[in-house]
Amino acid sequence: MLNLRIRELRRLRNLSQVQLAQKLGVSKQSVSNWENDNIQPSIEMLVAIAQVFSVSTDYLLGLDHRRVIDVTGLADEYVTHIQQVVDDMRDKRE
């Protein structure tokens, strides 16, 4: 599950393996090995991956399926607007 989440999030952000590796300070081979489920990232690296993608480590591990948007530092009016957009999208999907 972890390997698939890393690949999915990387592709959704339009990042190459090289670009993700640069953000994390590791080699492209490390990213490739994670995505191919050859090795697992260390706990410290798991946290760094979660931070790069703004997701929880539980999400990466497949323990939690919720996605979260970090709105830290935004004014309340922007947070409210973002929530309204999300609610509107959910209403259209149903």
N, C-alpha and C. Protein backbone atom coordinates (compact mmCIF):
# COMPACT_ATOMS: atom_id res chain seq x y z
N MET A 1 0.83 -1.20 0.00
CA MET A 1 0.00 0.00 0.00
C MET A 1 0.87 1.26 0.00
N LEU A 2 1.92 1.28 0.82
CA LEU A 2 2.78 2.45 0.91
C LEU A 2 3.39 2.78 -0.46
N ASN A 3 3.87 1.77 -1.14
CA ASN A 3 4.49 2.02 -2.45
C ASN A 3 3.49 2.64 -3.43
N LEU A 4 2.26 2.18 -3.40
CA LEU A 4 1.24 2.72 -4.30
C LEU A 4 0.87 4.15 -3.95
N ARG A 5 0.79 4.43 -2.65
CA ARG A 5 0.45 5.80 -2.23
C ARG A 5 1.55 6.78 -2.63
N ILE A 6 2.80 6.39 -2.45
CA ILE A 6 3.89 7.28 -2.82
C ILE A 6 3.84 7.56 -4.32
N ARG A 7 3.68 6.51 -5.12
CA ARG A 7 3.62 6.68 -6.59
C ARG A 7 2.42 7.56 -6.98
N GLU A 8 1.26 7.28 -6.39
CA GLU A 8 0.06 8.05 -6.72
C GLU A 8 0.23 9.53 -6.38
N LEU A 9 0.70 9.81 -5.18
CA LEU A 9 0.86 11.20 -4.76
C LEU A 9 1.92 11.91 -5.59
N ARG A 10 2.98 11.22 -5.93
CA ARG A 10 4.03 11.82 -6.76
C ARG A 10 3.47 12.18 -8.13
N ARG A 11 2.72 11.26 -8.71
CA ARG A 11 2.15 11.52 -10.04
C ARG A 11 1.09 12.61 -10.00
N LEU A 12 0.28 12.64 -8.95
CA LEU A 12 -0.74 13.69 -8.83
C LEU A 12 -0.10 15.07 -8.74
N ARG A 13 1.08 15.14 -8.17
CA ARG A 13 1.80 16.41 -8.06
C ARG A 13 2.69 16.68 -9.28
N ASN A 14 2.61 15.80 -10.26
CA ASN A 14 3.42 15.94 -11.48
C ASN A 14 4.91 16.03 -11.16
N LEU A 15 5.35 15.20 -10.24
CA LEU A 15 6.77 15.14 -9.88
C LEU A 15 7.39 13.88 -10.47
N SER A 16 8.59 14.01 -10.97
CA SER A 16 9.34 12.83 -11.39
C SER A 16 9.95 12.20 -10.14
N GLN A 17 10.46 11.01 -10.29
CA GLN A 17 11.16 10.38 -9.17
C GLN A 17 12.38 11.20 -8.77
N VAL A 18 13.04 11.77 -9.74
CA VAL A 18 14.21 12.61 -9.47
C VAL A 18 13.81 13.84 -8.66
N GLN A 19 12.71 14.49 -9.05
CA GLN A 19 12.27 15.69 -8.33
C GLN A 19 11.88 15.36 -6.89
N LEU A 20 11.16 14.25 -6.70
CA LEU A 20 10.79 13.87 -5.33
C LEU A 20 12.04 13.55 -4.53
N ALA A 21 12.98 12.85 -5.14
CA ALA A 21 14.22 12.52 -4.46
C ALA A 21 14.95 13.78 -4.01
N GLN A 22 14.98 14.78 -4.86
CA GLN A 22 15.64 16.05 -4.52
C GLN A 22 14.96 16.72 -3.34
N LYS A 23 13.64 16.72 -3.33
CA LYS A 23 12.89 17.32 -2.22
C LYS A 23 13.19 16.62 -0.90
N LEU A 24 13.44 15.31 -0.98
CA LEU A 24 13.66 14.52 0.22
C LEU A 24 15.14 14.34 0.57
N GLY A 25 16.02 14.75 -0.32
CA GLY A 25 17.45 14.60 -0.08
C GLY A 25 17.93 13.16 -0.16
N VAL A 26 17.31 12.39 -1.06
CA VAL A 26 17.69 10.99 -1.27
C VAL A 26 17.97 10.79 -2.75
N SER A 27 18.38 9.59 -3.11
CA SER A 27 18.64 9.29 -4.52
C SER A 27 17.35 8.91 -5.23
N LYS A 28 17.37 9.04 -6.55
CA LYS A 28 16.23 8.59 -7.36
C LYS A 28 16.00 7.11 -7.16
N GLN A 29 17.08 6.37 -6.96
CA GLN A 29 16.98 4.93 -6.76
C GLN A 29 16.19 4.60 -5.49
N SER A 30 16.34 5.42 -4.45
CA SER A 30 15.55 5.20 -3.23
C SER A 30 14.07 5.32 -3.52
N VAL A 31 13.69 6.39 -4.23
CA VAL A 31 12.28 6.58 -4.57
C VAL A 31 11.78 5.42 -5.42
N SER A 32 12.57 5.02 -6.40
CA SER A 32 12.21 3.90 -7.26
C SER A 32 12.03 2.62 -6.43
N ASN A 33 12.94 2.37 -5.51
CA ASN A 33 12.84 1.18 -4.66
C ASN A 33 11.59 1.22 -3.78
N TRP A 34 11.24 2.38 -3.26
CA TRP A 34 10.00 2.49 -2.45
C TRP A 34 8.79 2.18 -3.31
N GLU A 35 8.74 2.79 -4.50
CA GLU A 35 7.58 2.63 -5.37
C GLU A 35 7.46 1.20 -5.90
N ASN A 36 8.56 0.51 -6.05
CA ASN A 36 8.54 -0.87 -6.52
C ASN A 36 8.45 -1.87 -5.37
N ASP A 37 8.30 -1.35 -4.17
CA ASP A 37 8.15 -2.17 -2.96
C ASP A 37 9.36 -3.07 -2.71
N ASN A 38 10.54 -2.59 -3.12
CA ASN A 38 11.77 -3.33 -2.86
C ASN A 38 12.29 -3.08 -1.45
N ILE A 39 12.15 -1.83 -0.99
CA ILE A 39 12.54 -1.45 0.37
C ILE A 39 11.50 -0.49 0.92
N GLN A 40 11.51 -0.32 2.22
CA GLN A 40 10.60 0.61 2.89
C GLN A 40 11.41 1.82 3.37
N PRO A 41 10.84 3.01 3.30
CA PRO A 41 11.55 4.17 3.85
C PRO A 41 11.65 4.05 5.37
N SER A 42 12.66 4.69 5.93
CA SER A 42 12.80 4.73 7.38
C SER A 42 11.62 5.51 7.97
N ILE A 43 11.46 5.42 9.27
CA ILE A 43 10.39 6.17 9.93
C ILE A 43 10.58 7.66 9.72
N GLU A 44 11.81 8.12 9.83
CA GLU A 44 12.09 9.54 9.62
C GLU A 44 11.75 9.96 8.20
N MET A 45 12.06 9.10 7.23
CA MET A 45 11.77 9.41 5.83
C MET A 45 10.27 9.34 5.57
N LEU A 46 9.58 8.43 6.23
CA LEU A 46 8.13 8.34 6.10
C LEU A 46 7.49 9.66 6.52
N VAL A 47 7.97 10.22 7.61
CA VAL A 47 7.47 11.51 8.08
C VAL A 47 7.78 12.60 7.05
N ALA A 48 8.99 12.59 6.50
CA ALA A 48 9.36 13.59 5.49
C ALA A 48 8.49 13.47 4.24
N ILE A 49 8.21 12.26 3.82
CA ILE A 49 7.34 12.04 2.65
C ILE A 49 5.95 12.59 2.93
N ALA A 50 5.43 12.31 4.11
CA ALA A 50 4.12 12.83 4.50
C ALA A 50 4.10 14.35 4.46
N GLN A 51 5.17 14.97 4.93
CA GLN A 51 5.24 16.43 4.93
C GLN A 51 5.30 16.99 3.52
N VAL A 52 6.05 16.36 2.65
CA VAL A 52 6.15 16.83 1.26
C VAL A 52 4.77 16.81 0.59
N PHE A 53 4.00 15.76 0.86
CA PHE A 53 2.69 15.62 0.22
C PHE A 53 1.53 16.16 1.05
N SER A 54 1.83 16.70 2.22
CA SER A 54 0.78 17.24 3.12
C SER A 54 -0.29 16.21 3.42
N VAL A 55 0.15 15.01 3.76
CA VAL A 55 -0.75 13.94 4.19
C VAL A 55 -0.23 13.38 5.51
N SER A 56 -1.03 12.56 6.15
CA SER A 56 -0.59 11.94 7.39
C SER A 56 0.20 10.66 7.07
N THR A 57 1.00 10.23 8.02
CA THR A 57 1.70 8.96 7.85
C THR A 57 0.68 7.83 7.81
N ASP A 58 -0.41 7.96 8.54
CA ASP A 58 -1.47 6.94 8.49
C ASP A 58 -2.04 6.83 7.08
N TYR A 59 -2.19 7.96 6.40
CA TYR A 59 -2.69 7.93 5.03
C TYR A 59 -1.69 7.18 4.13
N LEU A 60 -0.42 7.50 4.27
CA LEU A 60 0.59 6.82 3.46
C LEU A 60 0.57 5.32 3.68
N LEU A 61 0.35 4.92 4.93
CA LEU A 61 0.38 3.50 5.28
C LEU A 61 -0.94 2.79 4.99
N GLY A 62 -1.95 3.53 4.55
CA GLY A 62 -3.24 2.93 4.23
C GLY A 62 -4.12 2.69 5.44
N LEU A 63 -3.78 3.31 6.57
CA LEU A 63 -4.57 3.15 7.80
C LEU A 63 -5.70 4.16 7.88
N ASP A 64 -5.58 5.22 7.12
CA ASP A 64 -6.58 6.28 7.12
C ASP A 64 -6.76 6.71 5.67
N HIS A 65 -7.99 6.80 5.23
CA HIS A 65 -8.25 7.13 3.83
C HIS A 65 -8.66 8.58 3.62
N ARG A 66 -8.65 9.35 4.70
CA ARG A 66 -9.02 10.76 4.58
C ARG A 66 -7.85 11.56 4.04
N ARG A 67 -8.16 12.51 3.18
CA ARG A 67 -7.16 13.45 2.68
C ARG A 67 -7.39 14.77 3.40
N VAL A 68 -6.33 15.47 3.71
CA VAL A 68 -6.41 16.70 4.49
C VAL A 68 -5.71 17.81 3.73
N ILE A 69 -6.25 18.99 3.81
CA ILE A 69 -5.61 20.16 3.22
C ILE A 69 -5.10 21.02 4.36
N ASP A 70 -3.82 21.33 4.34
CA ASP A 70 -3.22 22.15 5.39
C ASP A 70 -3.52 23.62 5.11
N VAL A 71 -4.28 24.23 5.99
CA VAL A 71 -4.65 25.63 5.82
C VAL A 71 -3.98 26.52 6.88
N THR A 72 -2.96 25.97 7.51
CA THR A 72 -2.23 26.72 8.53
C THR A 72 -1.73 28.03 7.95
N GLY A 73 -1.96 29.10 8.68
CA GLY A 73 -1.47 30.40 8.27
C GLY A 73 -2.41 31.18 7.37
N LEU A 74 -3.50 30.55 6.93
CA LEU A 74 -4.47 31.27 6.10
C LEU A 74 -5.48 31.99 6.98
N ALA A 75 -5.96 33.12 6.51
CA ALA A 75 -6.98 33.86 7.23
C ALA A 75 -8.27 33.04 7.27
N ASP A 76 -9.05 33.24 8.31
CA ASP A 76 -10.30 32.50 8.49
C ASP A 76 -11.21 32.61 7.28
N GLU A 77 -11.24 33.77 6.65
CA GLU A 77 -12.12 33.95 5.49
C GLU A 77 -11.70 33.03 4.33
N TYR A 78 -10.40 32.81 4.17
CA TYR A 78 -9.92 31.90 3.13
C TYR A 78 -10.25 30.45 3.47
N VAL A 79 -10.10 30.10 4.73
CA VAL A 79 -10.43 28.74 5.16
C VAL A 79 -11.90 28.47 4.93
N THR A 80 -12.75 29.42 5.26
CA THR A 80 -14.19 29.29 5.04
C THR A 80 -14.48 29.13 3.56
N HIS A 81 -13.82 29.91 2.74
CA HIS A 81 -14.03 29.82 1.29
C HIS A 81 -13.61 28.44 0.76
N ILE A 82 -12.47 27.97 1.21
CA ILE A 82 -12.00 26.64 0.79
C ILE A 82 -13.01 25.57 1.20
N GLN A 83 -13.52 25.66 2.42
CA GLN A 83 -14.51 24.69 2.88
C GLN A 83 -15.77 24.73 2.03
N GLN A 84 -16.19 25.93 1.64
CA GLN A 84 -17.37 26.06 0.78
C GLN A 84 -17.14 25.41 -0.58
N VAL A 85 -15.96 25.60 -1.14
CA VAL A 85 -15.63 24.99 -2.43
C VAL A 85 -15.67 23.47 -2.32
N VAL A 86 -15.08 22.94 -1.25
CA VAL A 86 -15.08 21.49 -1.04
C VAL A 86 -16.51 20.97 -0.89
N ASP A 87 -17.31 21.67 -0.10
CA ASP A 87 -18.70 21.25 0.09
C ASP A 87 -19.47 21.26 -1.23
N ASP A 88 -19.26 22.30 -2.03
CA ASP A 88 -19.92 22.38 -3.34
C ASP A 88 -19.51 21.22 -4.23
N MET A 89 -18.25 20.85 -4.21
CA MET A 89 -17.79 19.73 -5.03
C MET A 89 -18.42 18.43 -4.57
N ARG A 90 -18.54 18.25 -3.27
CA ARG A 90 -19.17 17.04 -2.76
C ARG A 90 -20.64 16.98 -3.16
N ASP A 91 -21.33 18.12 -3.09
CA ASP A 91 -22.74 18.17 -3.46
C ASP A 91 -22.93 17.80 -4.93
N LYS A 92 -22.05 18.25 -5.79
CA LYS A 92 -22.14 17.95 -7.22
C LYS A 92 -21.86 16.49 -7.51
N ARG A 93 -21.05 15.85 -6.68
CA ARG A 93 -20.70 14.45 -6.88
C ARG A 93 -21.84 13.51 -6.50
N GLU A 94 -22.66 13.94 -5.57
CA GLU A 94 -23.74 13.07 -5.06
C GLU A 94 -24.92 13.04 -5.94
